Amino acid sequence: MAEVPEKPSDFIREIIARDNETGKFGQRVHTRFPPEPNGYLHIGHAKSICLNFGIARDSGGLCNLRFDDTNPTKEEVEYVDSIKEDVRWLGFDWEDRLFYASDYFGKLYEYAVQLIKAGKAYVCDLTADEIREYRGTLTEPGKESPYRDRSVEESLDLFRRMREGEFPDGSRTLRAKIDMASGNINMRDPVMYRILHAEHHRTGSKWCIYPMYDYAHCVSDSLEGITHSICTLEFEDHRPLYDWFLDELKAYHPQQIEFARLNLSNTVLSKRKLIRLVREGHVKGWDDPRMPTISGFRRRGYTPEAIRNFCDRIGVAKRDSTVEAALLEHCIREDLNKRVPRAMAVLRPLRVVITNCPEGREEELEAVNNPEDPSMGVRKVSFSKVLYIERDDFREDPPKDFFRLAPGREVRLRYAYFITCTGFVKDPATGEIVELQCVYDPATRGGDSPDGRKVKATLHWVSASRALPAEVRLYDYLFLTAEPSGPAEGDFASSLNLNSLETLTSCYVEPGLRDAAPGSRWQFERQGYFCVDPDSGDERLVFNRTVTLKDTWAKIEKKQKKH
């Protein structure tokens, strides 16, 4: 019987289990993932997606996908479509539960009128700067707006006229009347509505006033019958406001629970910073494989299974911390190692002539597709007189710890023969070695010696007569420092890695990759894991390096266990 994977355990699931035991919410579990459609989702959102949809799945409950589309100046249909694609790609399905905050604009307006009539909200004429000035500080209470004591009738009239478009942007707001002396700044008469004469991607020009997040979010949760509203830690101080709105409206009341957001080393996850990276041309779009967006990871060759495993492994905490990017890469390697076929590719080719191989000879040799999965079978690789190996696999004057090819030295060609270097040719103008002369031992077919002699290195290679030309893009961390500080302050130069992309245009790969589909993944032996880029076409193959073979996290983990 197949082993059933253990369900994740964390403090949120423990809260939900206790709620179910006591009968709270009638033993229902209904969560939601509520992105703003003002950018592409990133790995931090993936954690939230896995948590919200995962809890619903594990509890036999439901999870909604709801777009918080309350700011038409920053939202686009492109972002809506990309978010839906990303959630599906990660392996989750909202079924018939796709919602938008804009679905509730009418109800939100009615509730706002209800709060005005109850003396709990008022129209304020202070500007945004004045509201900030009146709000006070963490150590000083705020000052009441001079419009705070407007009559209910006047506020109702002004709010109606705000909706009808009578006033310009920023001239008036609707504010909740709570407590300007509260120790929680979020409770100091927060803005509920602002005037925005902007076309909305769903409602067009029907509305020119739009609700603020804190107001729209809790009401949307309530209207959808959400049981557990799971938010990141920065919303902890907003929870009293979440509760205040629903209590004053006497509405159905979900429970808000906060968890620590994901911080990843050598990465920025602020949407504002990511937008700057795109708009200022530091990357080639939202799906650039250097971006921590889900679409960027997909293009780079990451798998949804590996990302879900990563999210399970890092768990759910109550305090912010930074996760090593090496752990994410480890999860990718672990997954790809089991599932992807092997191939040989030479990225920086050096020509090799096998002098004792007859002209025109082509020999088919057998190569294993994946030693981790025998069911993937074998493939044929062509051996001929002229081959390519990696330039770094040869040294004219090798150091002591270099065991690969050198003058007079014998090495193994993977799946093929032992070869010995007998000479080389240099470019007379540059002095660069451009060709090696070698002999092969026909008795070592398949890479084994019948007389038991050993070699210290095995090299990958491709046949020059059959190899396909390819472009290979090698990606590295976009930021040099573990905790980049640049983009928010505009100081990109201090932390951006200017060598985060290296493009190699003279590579060669096995002929079996001729029809490799965009998005297909491969392990290039001794090189790393690679993915076929959408830029590939009939005229050229383009591969993105997903991750190297070197597993930094495995070494870190081993060291931690030792101590």
Protein backbone atom coordinates (compact mmCIF):
# COMPACT_ATOMS: atom_id res chain seq x y z
CA MET A 1 0.00 0.00 0.00
CA ALA A 2 1.30 3.48 -0.88
CA GLU A 3 2.34 5.56 2.08
CA VAL A 4 -0.18 8.32 2.86
CA PRO A 5 1.63 11.66 3.26
CA GLU A 6 1.33 13.19 6.69
CA LYS A 7 -0.91 16.26 6.83
CA PRO A 8 0.82 19.49 7.84
CA SER A 9 0.33 20.72 11.40
CA ASP A 10 0.54 24.33 12.58
CA PHE A 11 -1.07 26.74 15.03
CA ILE A 12 -3.76 27.79 12.53
CA ARG A 13 -4.87 24.23 11.92
CA GLU A 14 -4.88 23.70 15.70
CA ILE A 15 -7.20 26.72 16.13
CA ILE A 16 -9.52 25.39 13.43
CA ALA A 17 -9.52 21.90 15.00
CA ARG A 18 -10.54 23.40 18.37
CA ASP A 19 -13.27 25.44 16.66
CA ASN A 20 -14.62 22.28 15.06
CA GLU A 21 -14.56 20.46 18.42
CA THR A 22 -16.60 23.22 20.08
CA GLY A 23 -19.01 23.51 17.16
CA LYS A 24 -18.02 27.08 16.34
CA PHE A 25 -19.23 28.00 12.84
CA GLY A 26 -21.26 24.79 12.86
CA GLN A 27 -18.08 22.79 12.21
CA ARG A 28 -17.74 24.51 8.84
CA VAL A 29 -14.35 25.50 7.43
CA HIS A 30 -14.46 28.13 4.70
CA THR A 31 -11.34 30.10 3.79
CA ARG A 32 -10.44 32.48 0.96
CA PHE A 33 -7.43 33.69 -0.99
CA PRO A 34 -7.97 37.44 -1.63
CA PRO A 35 -5.28 38.91 -3.95
CA GLU A 36 -5.28 42.45 -5.26
CA PRO A 37 -5.16 42.40 -9.10
CA ASN A 38 -2.38 45.02 -9.24
CA GLY A 39 0.56 42.76 -10.07
CA TYR A 40 1.63 39.16 -10.58
CA LEU A 41 1.65 36.64 -7.72
CA HIS A 42 5.00 35.75 -6.13
CA ILE A 43 6.33 32.95 -3.93
CA GLY A 44 4.94 34.67 -0.82
CA HIS A 45 1.45 34.44 -2.32
CA ALA A 46 2.13 30.77 -3.07
CA LYS A 47 2.52 30.20 0.67
CA SER A 48 -0.86 31.84 1.31
CA ILE A 49 -2.51 29.91 -1.54
CA CYS A 50 -1.19 26.59 -0.22
CA LEU A 51 -2.28 27.50 3.30
CA ASN A 52 -5.82 28.66 2.50
CA PHE A 53 -6.65 26.02 -0.10
CA GLY A 54 -4.73 23.36 1.84
CA ILE A 55 -6.61 23.98 5.09
CA ALA A 56 -9.93 23.81 3.24
CA ARG A 57 -8.90 20.56 1.53
CA ASP A 58 -7.62 18.93 4.72
CA SER A 59 -10.74 19.96 6.66
CA GLY A 60 -13.26 18.96 4.04
CA GLY A 61 -14.13 22.63 3.63
CA LEU A 62 -14.21 25.25 0.90
CA CYS A 63 -11.89 28.00 -0.30
CA ASN A 64 -12.87 31.02 -2.40
CA LEU A 65 -10.76 32.98 -4.83
CA ARG A 66 -11.70 36.62 -4.34
CA PHE A 67 -10.12 39.61 -6.05
CA ASP A 68 -9.83 42.70 -3.88
CA ASP A 69 -10.44 45.04 -6.81
CA THR A 70 -11.08 48.30 -4.97
CA ASN A 71 -8.40 50.49 -6.60
CA PRO A 72 -9.07 50.85 -10.35
CA THR A 73 -6.02 53.08 -10.88
CA LYS A 74 -3.67 50.12 -10.30
CA GLU A 75 -5.68 47.10 -11.45
CA GLU A 76 -5.68 45.36 -14.84
CA VAL A 77 -7.44 42.40 -16.43
CA GLU A 78 -3.96 41.06 -17.28
CA TYR A 79 -3.27 40.66 -13.55
CA VAL A 80 -6.63 38.96 -12.95
CA ASP A 81 -5.94 36.42 -15.70
CA SER A 82 -2.39 35.75 -14.52
CA ILE A 83 -3.55 35.18 -10.93
CA LYS A 84 -6.17 32.64 -12.00
CA GLU A 85 -3.59 30.84 -14.15
CA ASP A 86 -1.09 30.75 -11.26
CA VAL A 87 -3.57 29.34 -8.73
CA ARG A 88 -4.61 26.62 -11.16
CA TRP A 89 -0.98 25.83 -12.02
CA LEU A 90 -0.20 25.36 -8.32
CA GLY A 91 -2.87 22.66 -8.31
CA PHE A 92 -5.84 24.34 -6.66
CA ASP A 93 -9.43 24.83 -7.84
CA TRP A 94 -11.94 27.36 -6.56
CA GLU A 95 -14.71 25.58 -8.54
CA ASP A 96 -17.70 27.96 -8.71
CA ARG A 97 -16.40 30.25 -5.96
CA LEU A 98 -14.79 33.07 -7.94
CA PHE A 99 -15.68 36.43 -6.41
CA TYR A 100 -14.68 40.09 -6.60
CA ALA A 101 -14.95 42.82 -3.99
CA SER A 102 -16.65 44.77 -6.78
CA ASP A 103 -19.48 42.20 -6.61
CA TYR A 104 -20.35 43.84 -3.28
CA PHE A 105 -20.04 47.55 -4.14
CA GLY A 106 -23.80 48.02 -3.78
CA LYS A 107 -23.94 46.25 -0.43
CA LEU A 108 -20.82 48.06 0.84
CA TYR A 109 -22.46 51.38 0.01
CA GLU A 110 -25.65 50.35 1.85
CA TYR A 111 -23.64 49.32 4.91
CA ALA A 112 -21.79 52.64 4.84
CA VAL A 113 -25.11 54.49 4.84
CA GLN A 114 -26.18 52.32 7.79
CA LEU A 115 -23.07 53.39 9.74
CA ILE A 116 -23.68 57.08 8.95
CA LYS A 117 -27.27 56.79 10.17
CA ALA A 118 -26.01 55.13 13.38
CA GLY A 119 -23.61 58.06 13.96
CA LYS A 120 -20.63 55.78 13.36
CA ALA A 121 -19.34 57.39 10.13
CA TYR A 122 -19.07 60.91 8.69
CA VAL A 123 -17.98 62.74 5.56
CA CYS A 124 -14.68 64.56 6.09
CA ASP A 125 -13.26 67.44 3.99
CA LEU A 126 -9.66 67.14 5.19
CA THR A 127 -7.08 66.40 2.50
CA ALA A 128 -5.02 63.21 2.63
CA ASP A 129 -2.05 65.16 4.03
CA GLU A 130 -4.24 66.79 6.68
CA ILE A 131 -5.71 63.42 7.68
CA ARG A 132 -2.18 62.09 8.20
CA GLU A 133 -1.27 65.19 10.23
CA TYR A 134 -4.38 64.87 12.42
CA ARG A 135 -3.83 61.16 13.00
CA GLY A 136 -1.04 61.68 15.53
CA THR A 137 1.84 59.31 16.23
CA LEU A 138 2.49 56.12 18.14
CA THR A 139 3.19 58.21 21.26
CA GLU A 140 0.75 61.09 20.70
CA PRO A 141 -3.02 60.89 20.25
CA GLY A 142 -4.65 62.21 17.11
CA LYS A 143 -6.82 65.31 16.76
CA GLU A 144 -10.46 65.16 15.84
CA SER A 145 -11.41 66.39 12.39
CA PRO A 146 -13.36 69.69 12.39
CA TYR A 147 -15.97 67.79 10.32
CA ARG A 148 -16.33 64.94 12.80
CA ASP A 149 -19.53 66.35 14.33
CA ARG A 150 -21.32 66.89 11.05
CA SER A 151 -24.96 65.97 11.34
CA VAL A 152 -26.13 62.61 10.10
CA GLU A 153 -28.29 64.36 7.50
CA GLU A 154 -25.41 66.40 6.10
CA SER A 155 -23.08 63.40 5.90
CA LEU A 156 -25.79 61.33 4.18
CA ASP A 157 -26.35 64.10 1.64
CA LEU A 158 -22.62 64.60 0.98
CA PHE A 159 -22.00 60.86 0.69
CA ARG A 160 -24.82 60.56 -1.86
CA ARG A 161 -23.35 63.45 -3.84
CA MET A 162 -19.89 61.86 -3.63
CA ARG A 163 -21.35 58.76 -5.29
CA GLU A 164 -23.05 60.86 -7.96
CA GLY A 165 -19.70 62.34 -8.97
CA GLU A 166 -20.29 65.91 -7.81
CA PHE A 167 -16.88 66.35 -6.14
CA PRO A 168 -13.30 66.05 -7.48
CA ASP A 169 -10.83 63.33 -6.49
CA GLY A 170 -9.41 63.71 -3.00
CA SER A 171 -11.79 66.47 -1.94
CA ARG A 172 -13.80 64.38 0.50
CA THR A 173 -13.71 60.99 2.23
CA LEU A 174 -16.05 58.91 4.34
CA ARG A 175 -14.47 58.06 7.68
CA ALA A 176 -15.49 55.73 10.50
CA LYS A 177 -16.08 57.53 13.81
CA ILE A 178 -14.16 55.50 16.38
CA ASP A 179 -11.50 57.01 18.70
CA MET A 180 -8.82 59.55 17.75
CA ALA A 181 -7.03 58.84 21.05
CA SER A 182 -6.82 55.08 20.51
CA GLY A 183 -3.43 53.48 21.09
CA ASN A 184 -4.00 51.65 17.79
CA ILE A 185 -3.56 54.18 14.98
CA ASN A 186 -5.78 52.06 12.71
CA MET A 187 -8.73 52.91 14.98
CA ARG A 188 -8.28 56.68 14.68
CA ASP A 189 -11.23 57.38 12.40
CA PRO A 190 -9.97 55.40 9.39
CA VAL A 191 -11.05 56.31 5.87
CA MET A 192 -13.76 54.01 4.50
CA TYR A 193 -14.31 55.58 1.06
CA ARG A 194 -12.35 57.89 -1.22
CA ILE A 195 -13.32 59.63 -4.46
CA LEU A 196 -11.69 58.19 -7.59
CA HIS A 197 -13.01 59.14 -11.03
CA ALA A 198 -11.44 56.12 -12.73
CA GLU A 199 -12.67 53.39 -15.06
CA HIS A 200 -12.97 50.05 -13.24
CA HIS A 201 -12.11 46.86 -15.15
CA ARG A 202 -15.47 45.31 -14.18
CA THR A 203 -17.88 48.09 -13.24
CA GLY A 204 -16.72 50.67 -15.78
CA SER A 205 -17.74 54.22 -14.78
CA LYS A 206 -20.67 53.16 -12.59
CA TRP A 207 -18.80 54.12 -9.41
CA CYS A 208 -16.56 57.08 -8.65
CA ILE A 209 -16.17 56.28 -4.96
CA TYR A 210 -14.29 53.17 -3.87
CA PRO A 211 -14.08 51.42 -0.48
CA MET A 212 -10.79 51.08 1.36
CA TYR A 213 -9.29 47.64 1.97
CA ASP A 214 -10.00 47.40 5.72
CA TYR A 215 -13.69 48.09 5.18
CA ALA A 216 -14.21 46.08 1.99
CA HIS A 217 -12.27 43.07 3.20
CA CYS A 218 -14.16 42.28 6.39
CA VAL A 219 -17.57 42.88 4.75
CA SER A 220 -16.62 40.64 1.80
CA ASP A 221 -15.55 37.89 4.23
CA SER A 222 -18.85 38.26 6.06
CA LEU A 223 -21.00 38.16 2.92
CA GLU A 224 -19.24 35.02 1.69
CA GLY A 225 -19.66 33.18 5.00
CA ILE A 226 -15.92 32.82 5.54
CA THR A 227 -15.13 31.10 8.84
CA HIS A 228 -11.42 31.78 9.17
CA SER A 229 -9.95 34.89 7.55
CA ILE A 230 -6.25 34.04 7.37
CA CYS A 231 -4.00 37.09 6.87
CA THR A 232 -0.32 37.90 7.09
CA LEU A 233 1.14 39.38 10.26
CA GLU A 234 0.99 43.04 9.18
CA PHE A 235 -2.81 42.84 9.53
CA GLU A 236 -2.66 41.94 13.22
CA ASP A 237 -3.03 45.59 14.22
CA HIS A 238 -5.96 45.86 11.80
CA ARG A 239 -7.92 43.07 13.48
CA PRO A 240 -9.66 45.39 15.99
CA LEU A 241 -10.93 47.42 13.03
CA TYR A 242 -12.05 44.22 11.24
CA ASP A 243 -14.02 43.31 14.37
CA TRP A 244 -15.36 46.88 14.89
CA PHE A 245 -16.93 47.14 11.44
CA LEU A 246 -18.69 43.78 11.69
CA ASP A 247 -19.82 44.38 15.27
CA GLU A 248 -21.26 47.80 14.44
CA LEU A 249 -23.00 46.39 11.36
CA LYS A 250 -24.28 43.44 13.42
CA ALA A 251 -23.12 41.23 10.56
CA TYR A 252 -21.94 37.62 10.45
CA HIS A 253 -18.44 37.60 11.97
CA PRO A 254 -15.54 35.44 10.70
CA GLN A 255 -12.40 35.00 12.80
CA GLN A 256 -9.24 36.70 11.58
CA ILE A 257 -5.98 34.83 12.21
CA GLU A 258 -2.53 36.17 11.31
CA PHE A 259 0.62 34.31 10.30
CA ALA A 260 4.13 35.41 9.38
CA ARG A 261 4.64 36.24 5.73
CA LEU A 262 7.39 34.57 3.73
CA ASN A 263 10.73 36.36 3.44
CA LEU A 264 13.23 34.72 1.09
CA SER A 265 16.95 35.44 1.07
CA ASN A 266 18.45 37.29 -1.92
CA THR A 267 14.92 38.19 -2.97
CA VAL A 268 12.44 41.06 -2.72
CA LEU A 269 8.75 40.20 -2.35
CA SER A 270 7.28 43.67 -2.04
CA LYS A 271 4.91 44.14 -4.97
CA ARG A 272 5.92 47.79 -5.14
CA LYS A 273 9.56 46.81 -5.54
CA LEU A 274 8.76 44.12 -8.09
CA ILE A 275 6.80 46.63 -10.17
CA ARG A 276 9.85 48.90 -10.17
CA LEU A 277 12.10 46.06 -11.32
CA VAL A 278 9.79 45.52 -14.30
CA ARG A 279 9.11 49.15 -15.18
CA GLU A 280 12.72 50.27 -14.87
CA GLY A 281 13.95 47.43 -17.10
CA HIS A 282 16.06 45.55 -14.56
CA VAL A 283 14.25 42.38 -15.68
CA LYS A 284 12.44 41.39 -18.88
CA GLY A 285 8.90 41.35 -17.56
CA TRP A 286 6.92 39.72 -14.79
CA ASP A 287 7.77 36.22 -16.03
CA ASP A 288 11.51 36.82 -16.19
CA PRO A 289 13.03 33.64 -14.67
CA ARG A 290 14.97 35.79 -12.19
CA MET A 291 11.74 37.15 -10.72
CA PRO A 292 10.24 35.46 -7.63
CA THR A 293 6.83 35.50 -9.34
CA ILE A 294 5.00 32.24 -9.88
CA SER A 295 5.02 32.92 -13.63
CA GLY A 296 8.78 33.55 -13.47
CA PHE A 297 9.34 30.31 -11.59
CA ARG A 298 7.15 28.45 -14.08
CA ARG A 299 9.20 29.80 -17.00
CA ARG A 300 12.38 28.86 -15.18
CA GLY A 301 11.23 25.26 -14.88
CA TYR A 302 10.07 25.02 -11.26
CA THR A 303 7.28 22.51 -10.64
CA PRO A 304 4.08 23.15 -8.67
CA GLU A 305 4.78 20.00 -6.63
CA ALA A 306 8.16 21.36 -5.53
CA ILE A 307 6.69 24.73 -4.56
CA ARG A 308 3.91 23.06 -2.56
CA ASN A 309 6.50 20.88 -0.81
CA PHE A 310 8.59 23.98 -0.02
CA CYS A 311 5.55 25.71 1.49
CA ASP A 312 4.82 22.64 3.63
CA ARG A 313 8.44 22.41 4.79
CA ILE A 314 8.78 26.02 5.90
CA GLY A 315 5.57 25.71 7.89
CA VAL A 316 3.42 28.47 9.36
CA ALA A 317 4.87 30.68 12.08
CA LYS A 318 3.76 33.61 14.23
CA ARG A 319 7.01 35.56 13.87
CA ASP A 320 8.72 36.93 10.78
CA SER A 321 11.92 35.22 9.66
CA THR A 322 13.90 34.78 6.46
CA VAL A 323 14.03 31.44 4.67
CA GLU A 324 17.17 30.53 2.75
CA ALA A 325 16.63 30.49 -1.01
CA ALA A 326 18.80 27.34 -0.94
CA LEU A 327 15.90 25.44 0.66
CA LEU A 328 13.58 26.31 -2.23
CA GLU A 329 16.26 25.20 -4.69
CA HIS A 330 16.72 21.96 -2.72
CA CYS A 331 12.99 21.22 -3.05
CA ILE A 332 13.21 21.85 -6.80
CA ARG A 333 16.20 19.49 -7.20
CA GLU A 334 14.54 16.83 -5.05
CA ASP A 335 11.45 16.85 -7.26
CA LEU A 336 13.17 17.14 -10.64
CA ASN A 337 15.70 14.43 -9.83
CA LYS A 338 12.91 11.87 -9.67
CA ARG A 339 10.93 12.92 -12.71
CA VAL A 340 13.00 14.46 -15.50
CA PRO A 341 15.01 12.67 -18.22
CA ARG A 342 18.76 13.12 -18.56
CA ALA A 343 20.53 14.50 -21.61
CA MET A 344 24.03 15.66 -22.47
CA ALA A 345 24.69 19.28 -23.40
CA VAL A 346 27.95 21.13 -23.92
CA LEU A 347 27.64 24.78 -22.99
CA ARG A 348 31.16 26.02 -23.78
CA PRO A 349 32.32 23.64 -26.49
CA LEU A 350 35.86 22.48 -27.23
CA ARG A 351 36.31 20.40 -30.39
CA VAL A 352 37.78 16.90 -29.95
CA VAL A 353 39.02 14.76 -32.86
CA ILE A 354 39.28 11.01 -32.19
CA THR A 355 42.23 10.28 -34.46
CA ASN A 356 41.86 6.49 -34.45
CA CYS A 357 38.15 6.61 -35.30
CA PRO A 358 37.48 6.08 -39.05
CA GLU A 359 36.07 8.99 -41.06
CA GLY A 360 32.32 8.86 -41.41
CA ARG A 361 31.82 6.30 -38.67
CA GLU A 362 28.66 6.77 -36.55
CA GLU A 363 28.06 4.43 -33.64
CA GLU A 364 24.89 4.24 -31.54
CA LEU A 365 25.47 3.80 -27.81
CA GLU A 366 22.94 3.24 -25.04
CA ALA A 367 22.33 5.89 -22.36
CA VAL A 368 20.08 5.76 -19.30
CA ASN A 369 17.24 8.30 -19.26
CA ASN A 370 16.89 8.51 -15.50
CA PRO A 371 18.76 6.28 -13.02
CA GLU A 372 16.16 7.21 -10.36
CA ASP A 373 13.34 5.80 -12.49
CA PRO A 374 14.20 2.68 -14.56
CA SER A 375 10.73 2.82 -16.17
CA MET A 376 11.93 5.82 -18.21
CA GLY A 377 14.10 3.43 -20.20
CA VAL A 378 17.12 4.22 -22.35
CA ARG A 379 17.99 6.33 -25.37
CA LYS A 380 20.61 6.19 -28.12
CA VAL A 381 23.52 8.62 -28.32
CA SER A 382 25.73 8.92 -31.36
CA PHE A 383 29.53 8.53 -31.15
CA SER A 384 31.65 9.77 -34.07
CA LYS A 385 35.11 10.98 -35.01
CA VAL A 386 34.50 14.60 -33.96
CA LEU A 387 32.99 15.43 -30.57
CA TYR A 388 32.50 18.41 -28.31
CA ILE A 389 33.39 18.48 -24.62
CA GLU A 390 33.28 21.33 -22.11
CA ARG A 391 36.20 23.73 -22.43
CA ASP A 392 36.63 23.62 -18.64
CA ASP A 393 37.18 19.85 -18.79
CA PHE A 394 40.66 20.29 -20.29
CA ARG A 395 43.82 21.86 -18.89
CA GLU A 396 47.10 22.11 -20.75
CA ASP A 397 48.97 22.36 -17.46
CA PRO A 398 46.59 20.91 -14.86
CA PRO A 399 46.84 21.75 -11.15
CA LYS A 400 47.28 18.93 -8.67
CA ASP A 401 43.59 18.53 -7.86
CA PHE A 402 42.41 18.58 -11.51
CA PHE A 403 41.48 15.06 -12.63
CA ARG A 404 39.81 15.72 -15.97
CA LEU A 405 41.41 15.70 -19.42
CA ALA A 406 45.04 16.85 -19.90
CA PRO A 407 47.89 15.93 -22.25
CA GLY A 408 48.66 12.20 -21.89
CA ARG A 409 45.77 11.63 -19.46
CA GLU A 410 42.94 9.11 -19.88
CA VAL A 411 39.32 9.84 -18.94
CA ARG A 412 35.93 8.22 -19.52
CA LEU A 413 33.31 9.63 -21.91
CA ARG A 414 29.89 9.05 -20.35
CA TYR A 415 28.20 5.93 -21.87
CA ALA A 416 31.00 5.70 -24.49
CA TYR A 417 34.74 4.96 -24.27
CA PHE A 418 37.97 5.80 -22.49
CA ILE A 419 39.88 8.46 -24.41
CA THR A 420 43.46 9.74 -24.01
CA CYS A 421 44.65 13.19 -25.09
CA THR A 422 47.60 12.94 -27.49
CA GLY A 423 47.83 16.56 -28.62
CA PHE A 424 46.09 19.86 -29.20
CA VAL A 425 45.88 22.78 -31.63
CA LYS A 426 46.10 26.44 -30.66
CA ASP A 427 44.84 29.49 -32.48
CA PRO A 428 48.08 31.20 -33.63
CA ALA A 429 46.57 34.65 -33.13
CA THR A 430 45.21 34.23 -29.60
CA GLY A 431 47.03 31.19 -28.21
CA GLU A 432 43.67 29.68 -27.26
CA ILE A 433 43.31 25.91 -27.56
CA VAL A 434 40.73 25.25 -30.29
CA GLU A 435 41.03 21.50 -30.81
CA LEU A 436 42.16 18.37 -28.97
CA GLN A 437 43.50 15.21 -30.57
CA CYS A 438 42.60 12.06 -28.69
CA VAL A 439 42.55 8.31 -29.18
CA TYR A 440 39.85 5.99 -27.86
CA ASP A 441 40.08 2.43 -26.58
CA PRO A 442 37.48 0.33 -28.49
CA ALA A 443 37.62 -2.30 -25.70
CA THR A 444 36.00 0.16 -23.25
CA ARG A 445 32.65 0.47 -25.03
CA GLY A 446 29.94 1.58 -22.58
CA GLY A 447 32.53 3.23 -20.34
CA ASP A 448 34.01 0.16 -18.63
CA SER A 449 37.51 -1.30 -18.96
CA PRO A 450 37.77 -5.10 -19.34
CA ASP A 451 41.23 -5.07 -17.75
CA GLY A 452 39.95 -3.28 -14.65
CA ARG A 453 41.92 -0.07 -15.04
CA LYS A 454 40.42 3.01 -13.45
CA VAL A 455 40.10 6.63 -14.48
CA LYS A 456 39.41 9.55 -12.15
CA ALA A 457 36.97 11.54 -14.30
CA THR A 458 33.90 11.00 -16.46
CA LEU A 459 33.04 13.71 -18.98
CA HIS A 460 29.83 14.48 -20.84
CA TRP A 461 30.03 15.12 -24.57
CA VAL A 462 28.04 15.38 -27.79
CA SER A 463 28.76 14.23 -31.33
CA ALA A 464 29.61 17.15 -33.63
CA SER A 465 27.82 15.56 -36.59
CA ARG A 466 24.50 15.10 -34.74
CA ALA A 467 24.45 17.79 -32.06
CA LEU A 468 21.87 20.57 -32.19
CA PRO A 469 22.91 24.21 -31.69
CA ALA A 470 21.20 25.85 -28.73
CA GLU A 471 21.08 29.01 -26.65
CA VAL A 472 21.35 28.53 -22.91
CA ARG A 473 20.49 31.16 -20.31
CA LEU A 474 22.19 30.79 -16.95
CA TYR A 475 20.33 32.53 -14.13
CA ASP A 476 21.65 33.51 -10.72
CA TYR A 477 20.19 35.43 -7.77
CA LEU A 478 18.89 38.84 -8.80
CA PHE A 479 20.33 40.36 -5.61
CA LEU A 480 23.80 39.89 -4.18
CA THR A 481 22.85 40.36 -0.53
CA ALA A 482 20.69 38.05 1.58
CA GLU A 483 18.47 40.97 2.62
CA PRO A 484 18.34 43.40 -0.32
CA SER A 485 17.70 46.99 0.71
CA GLY A 486 17.92 48.67 -2.66
CA PRO A 487 14.60 48.89 -4.52
CA ALA A 488 12.52 50.63 -1.84
CA GLU A 489 15.06 53.39 -1.43
CA GLY A 490 16.02 53.52 -5.09
CA ASP A 491 19.54 52.23 -4.45
CA PHE A 492 19.46 49.32 -6.92
CA ALA A 493 23.19 49.49 -7.68
CA SER A 494 24.25 48.44 -4.20
CA SER A 495 22.35 45.15 -4.19
CA LEU A 496 21.41 44.17 -7.75
CA ASN A 497 23.46 41.37 -9.26
CA LEU A 498 24.55 42.71 -12.64
CA ASN A 499 25.61 39.18 -13.62
CA SER A 500 22.30 37.51 -12.76
CA LEU A 501 21.89 36.43 -16.40
CA GLU A 502 24.56 34.93 -18.64
CA THR A 503 23.47 34.01 -22.16
CA LEU A 504 25.49 31.36 -24.03
CA THR A 505 24.73 31.23 -27.76
CA SER A 506 27.17 28.57 -29.02
CA CYS A 507 25.98 25.53 -27.08
CA TYR A 508 25.26 22.02 -28.36
CA VAL A 509 22.70 19.49 -27.12
CA GLU A 510 21.79 15.90 -27.95
CA PRO A 511 19.70 15.46 -31.14
CA GLY A 512 16.93 13.83 -29.10
CA LEU A 513 15.98 17.29 -27.82
CA ARG A 514 15.02 18.50 -31.30
CA ASP A 515 11.28 18.33 -30.54
CA ALA A 516 11.51 19.27 -26.86
CA ALA A 517 8.35 21.24 -26.08
CA PRO A 518 8.43 24.65 -24.38
CA GLY A 519 8.15 24.08 -20.65
CA SER A 520 9.68 20.58 -20.77
CA ARG A 521 12.38 19.93 -18.18
CA TRP A 522 15.68 18.08 -18.45
CA GLN A 523 18.76 17.36 -16.43
CA PHE A 524 21.86 18.20 -18.44
CA GLU A 525 24.37 15.78 -16.98
CA ARG A 526 26.98 17.49 -14.76
CA GLN A 527 25.38 20.87 -15.56
CA GLY A 528 22.07 21.17 -13.73
CA TYR A 529 18.36 21.18 -14.48
CA PHE A 530 17.07 23.07 -17.49
CA CYS A 531 13.74 24.02 -19.02
CA VAL A 532 12.84 24.78 -22.64
CA ASP A 533 11.97 28.48 -22.88
CA PRO A 534 8.90 29.73 -24.80
CA ASP A 535 11.35 31.66 -27.03
CA SER A 536 12.31 28.33 -28.59
CA GLY A 537 11.15 27.71 -32.14
CA ASP A 538 11.94 25.73 -35.27
CA GLU A 539 15.08 27.76 -35.88
CA ARG A 540 16.62 27.63 -32.40
CA LEU A 541 16.39 25.83 -29.09
CA VAL A 542 16.50 27.99 -25.97
CA PHE A 543 17.00 26.54 -22.49
CA ASN A 544 16.77 28.24 -19.09
CA ARG A 545 18.81 26.87 -16.23
CA THR A 546 16.32 26.02 -13.50
CA VAL A 547 18.85 25.19 -10.80
CA THR A 548 22.41 23.88 -10.57
CA LEU A 549 23.27 20.40 -9.35
CA LYS A 550 25.20 21.78 -6.38
CA ASP A 551 22.93 21.46 -3.36
CA THR A 552 23.90 24.13 -0.84
CA TRP A 553 20.94 23.35 1.42
CA ALA A 554 21.86 19.67 1.76
CA LYS A 555 25.25 20.74 3.12
CA ILE A 556 23.64 23.25 5.51
CA GLU A 557 21.19 20.60 6.74
CA LYS A 558 23.97 18.04 7.23
CA LYS A 559 26.01 20.53 9.23
CA GLN A 560 23.00 21.41 11.40
CA LYS A 561 22.33 17.74 12.18
CA LYS A 562 25.97 17.20 13.13
CA HIS A 563 25.81 20.00 15.71
